[in-house]
Structure formats: structure tokens, C-alpha cells
């Protein structure tokens, strides 16, 4: 019971950046593990065509591009905010 309380307390004190780092590390590592498992399908134990492999890699590239695109708008807003002149400051 005490351990649960301490863990919850730590999460409450966690900054947005710390939470991002913690979650992104777990999720990227899990995604990389799954990609390695896809690589195991290249074994002679499986039969596949060039078209199937092309579709597989096109799907992976599209998924990565979609995720990357999701980050672009918030990243651009942050960059614009950082470049904007502060109120009361010189232009």
C-alpha cells in the first residue's frame, strides 16, 4: 500500500518532459522489438514474395511518416513561440 502511494506521488511530481521521456523510451523500445520480430520473418522457414516484402516496408515507412508528421505541428508552434518577441521587450 505504501509503495503504491509513493509511485503515485512520484508520477504527480513528474514534469511533462520527464513523462515524455519515460513513455517515449518504453514505446520506442517496444516498437523496435516488434520490428526485430518482423525481421525474423526473413528466415527460410517462411515463404514470401517481393510484392509482400515491398508492401511490408511501405507500411512501416508510412506509419513512421505519419507519426513524424504528428510531431511537426507542435514542434513548429514551440519554435515560433521561442522566436516571438517577449511583451515589453524590444522588437
C-alpha atoms as a PDB file:
ATOM      1  CA  UNK A   1       0.000   0.000   0.000  1.00  0.00           C
ATOM      2  CA  UNK A   2       2.807   2.416   0.854  1.00  0.00           C
ATOM      3  CA  UNK A   3       4.698   1.549  -2.373  1.00  0.00           C
ATOM      4  CA  UNK A   4       1.639   2.345  -4.478  1.00  0.00           C
ATOM      5  CA  UNK A   5       1.280   5.707  -2.744  1.00  0.00           C
ATOM      6  CA  UNK A   6       4.937   6.580  -3.335  1.00  0.00           C
ATOM      7  CA  UNK A   7       4.733   5.649  -7.016  1.00  0.00           C
ATOM      8  CA  UNK A   8       1.587   7.747  -7.466  1.00  0.00           C
ATOM      9  CA  UNK A   9       3.250  10.655  -5.661  1.00  0.00           C
ATOM     10  CA  UNK A  10       6.292  10.430  -7.962  1.00  0.00           C
ATOM     11  CA  UNK A  11       4.067  10.475 -11.054  1.00  0.00           C
ATOM     12  CA  UNK A  12       2.262  13.557  -9.765  1.00  0.00           C
ATOM     13  CA  UNK A  13       5.581  15.407  -9.366  1.00  0.00           C
ATOM     14  CA  UNK A  14       6.762  14.328 -12.826  1.00  0.00           C
ATOM     15  CA  UNK A  15       7.160  17.143 -15.363  1.00  0.00           C
ATOM     16  CA  UNK A  16       5.688  16.907 -18.866  1.00  0.00           C
ATOM     17  CA  UNK A  17       9.167  16.447 -20.293  1.00  0.00           C
ATOM     18  CA  UNK A  18      10.023  13.685 -17.811  1.00  0.00           C
ATOM     19  CA  UNK A  19       6.765  11.928 -18.640  1.00  0.00           C
ATOM     20  CA  UNK A  20       7.507  12.243 -22.374  1.00  0.00           C
ATOM     21  CA  UNK A  21      10.991  10.789 -21.888  1.00  0.00           C
ATOM     22  CA  UNK A  22       9.717   7.918 -19.748  1.00  0.00           C
ATOM     23  CA  UNK A  23       6.877   6.971 -22.080  1.00  0.00           C
ATOM     24  CA  UNK A  24       8.734   7.545 -25.348  1.00  0.00           C
ATOM     25  CA  UNK A  25      11.631   5.362 -24.232  1.00  0.00           C
ATOM     26  CA  UNK A  26       9.285   2.489 -23.376  1.00  0.00           C
ATOM     27  CA  UNK A  27       7.228   2.865 -26.547  1.00  0.00           C
ATOM     28  CA  UNK A  28      10.177   3.228 -28.919  1.00  0.00           C
ATOM     29  CA  UNK A  29      11.897   0.200 -27.365  1.00  0.00           C
ATOM     30  CA  UNK A  30       8.675  -1.822 -27.706  1.00  0.00           C
ATOM     31  CA  UNK A  31       8.322  -0.734 -31.360  1.00  0.00           C
ATOM     32  CA  UNK A  32      11.957  -1.665 -32.086  1.00  0.00           C
ATOM     33  CA  UNK A  33      11.420  -5.079 -30.518  1.00  0.00           C
ATOM     34  CA  UNK A  34       8.398  -5.634 -32.786  1.00  0.00           C
ATOM     35  CA  UNK A  35      10.401  -4.531 -35.828  1.00  0.00           C
ATOM     36  CA  UNK A  36      13.117  -7.046 -34.917  1.00  0.00           C
ATOM     37  CA  UNK A  37      10.417  -9.718 -34.774  1.00  0.00           C
ATOM     38  CA  UNK A  38       9.316  -8.736 -38.282  1.00  0.00           C
ATOM     39  CA  UNK A  39      12.937  -9.266 -39.337  1.00  0.00           C
ATOM     40  CA  UNK A  40      12.683 -12.840 -38.090  1.00  0.00           C
ATOM     41  CA  UNK A  41      10.162 -13.460 -40.882  1.00  0.00           C
ATOM     42  CA  UNK A  42      13.079 -13.368 -43.351  1.00  0.00           C
ATOM     43  CA  UNK A  43      14.004 -16.861 -42.180  1.00  0.00           C
ATOM     44  CA  UNK A  44      13.906 -19.671 -44.759  1.00  0.00           C
ATOM     45  CA  UNK A  45      11.173 -21.121 -42.548  1.00  0.00           C
ATOM     46  CA  UNK A  46       8.777 -18.656 -44.244  1.00  0.00           C
ATOM     47  CA  UNK A  47       7.866 -18.149 -47.878  1.00  0.00           C
ATOM     48  CA  UNK A  48       7.154 -14.669 -49.218  1.00  0.00           C
ATOM     49  CA  UNK A  49       7.121 -12.693 -52.444  1.00  0.00           C
ATOM     50  CA  UNK A  50       8.904  -9.490 -53.395  1.00  0.00           C
ATOM     51  CA  UNK A  51       5.479  -7.804 -53.502  1.00  0.00           C
ATOM     52  CA  UNK A  52       4.724  -8.862 -49.919  1.00  0.00           C
ATOM     53  CA  UNK A  53       8.071  -7.528 -48.725  1.00  0.00           C
ATOM     54  CA  UNK A  54       7.523  -4.285 -50.634  1.00  0.00           C
ATOM     55  CA  UNK A  55       4.096  -3.893 -49.007  1.00  0.00           C
ATOM     56  CA  UNK A  56       5.576  -4.626 -45.581  1.00  0.00           C
ATOM     57  CA  UNK A  57       8.237  -1.915 -45.880  1.00  0.00           C
ATOM     58  CA  UNK A  58       5.836   0.569 -47.467  1.00  0.00           C
ATOM     59  CA  UNK A  59       3.506   0.086 -44.487  1.00  0.00           C
ATOM     60  CA  UNK A  60       6.332   0.581 -41.996  1.00  0.00           C
ATOM     61  CA  UNK A  61       7.572   3.723 -43.774  1.00  0.00           C
ATOM     62  CA  UNK A  62       4.047   5.148 -43.950  1.00  0.00           C
ATOM     63  CA  UNK A  63       3.488   4.528 -40.227  1.00  0.00           C
ATOM     64  CA  UNK A  64       6.770   6.250 -39.296  1.00  0.00           C
ATOM     65  CA  UNK A  65       5.999   9.192 -41.620  1.00  0.00           C
ATOM     66  CA  UNK A  66       2.543   9.548 -40.043  1.00  0.00           C
ATOM     67  CA  UNK A  67       3.978   9.669 -36.532  1.00  0.00           C
ATOM     68  CA  UNK A  68       6.703  12.102 -37.595  1.00  0.00           C
ATOM     69  CA  UNK A  69       4.076  14.365 -39.153  1.00  0.00           C
ATOM     70  CA  UNK A  70       2.126  14.398 -35.871  1.00  0.00           C
ATOM     71  CA  UNK A  71       5.170  15.902 -34.153  1.00  0.00           C
ATOM     72  CA  UNK A  72       5.804  18.598 -36.779  1.00  0.00           C
ATOM     73  CA  UNK A  73       2.913  20.952 -35.931  1.00  0.00           C
ATOM     74  CA  UNK A  74       3.546  21.050 -32.149  1.00  0.00           C
ATOM     75  CA  UNK A  75       7.285  21.362 -32.774  1.00  0.00           C
ATOM     76  CA  UNK A  76       6.728  24.284 -35.161  1.00  0.00           C
ATOM     77  CA  UNK A  77       4.474  26.006 -32.599  1.00  0.00           C
ATOM     78  CA  UNK A  78       7.197  25.646 -29.956  1.00  0.00           C
ATOM     79  CA  UNK A  79       9.813  27.068 -32.315  1.00  0.00           C
ATOM     80  CA  UNK A  80       7.554  30.011 -33.243  1.00  0.00           C
ATOM     81  CA  UNK A  81       6.802  30.681 -29.588  1.00  0.00           C
ATOM     82  CA  UNK A  82      10.512  30.700 -28.745  1.00  0.00           C
ATOM     83  CA  UNK A  83      11.243  33.129 -31.609  1.00  0.00           C
ATOM     84  CA  UNK A  84       8.386  35.531 -30.778  1.00  0.00           C
ATOM     85  CA  UNK A  85       9.421  38.772 -29.067  1.00  0.00           C
ATOM     86  CA  UNK A  86       8.528  38.981 -25.384  1.00  0.00           C
ATOM     87  CA  UNK A  87       5.987  41.553 -24.232  1.00  0.00           C
ATOM     88  CA  UNK A  88       7.644  44.757 -23.088  1.00  0.00           C
ATOM     89  CA  UNK A  89      10.860  43.810 -24.865  1.00  0.00           C
ATOM     90  CA  UNK A  90      12.375  45.358 -27.945  1.00  0.00           C
ATOM     91  CA  UNK A  91      11.446  44.059 -31.366  1.00  0.00           C
END
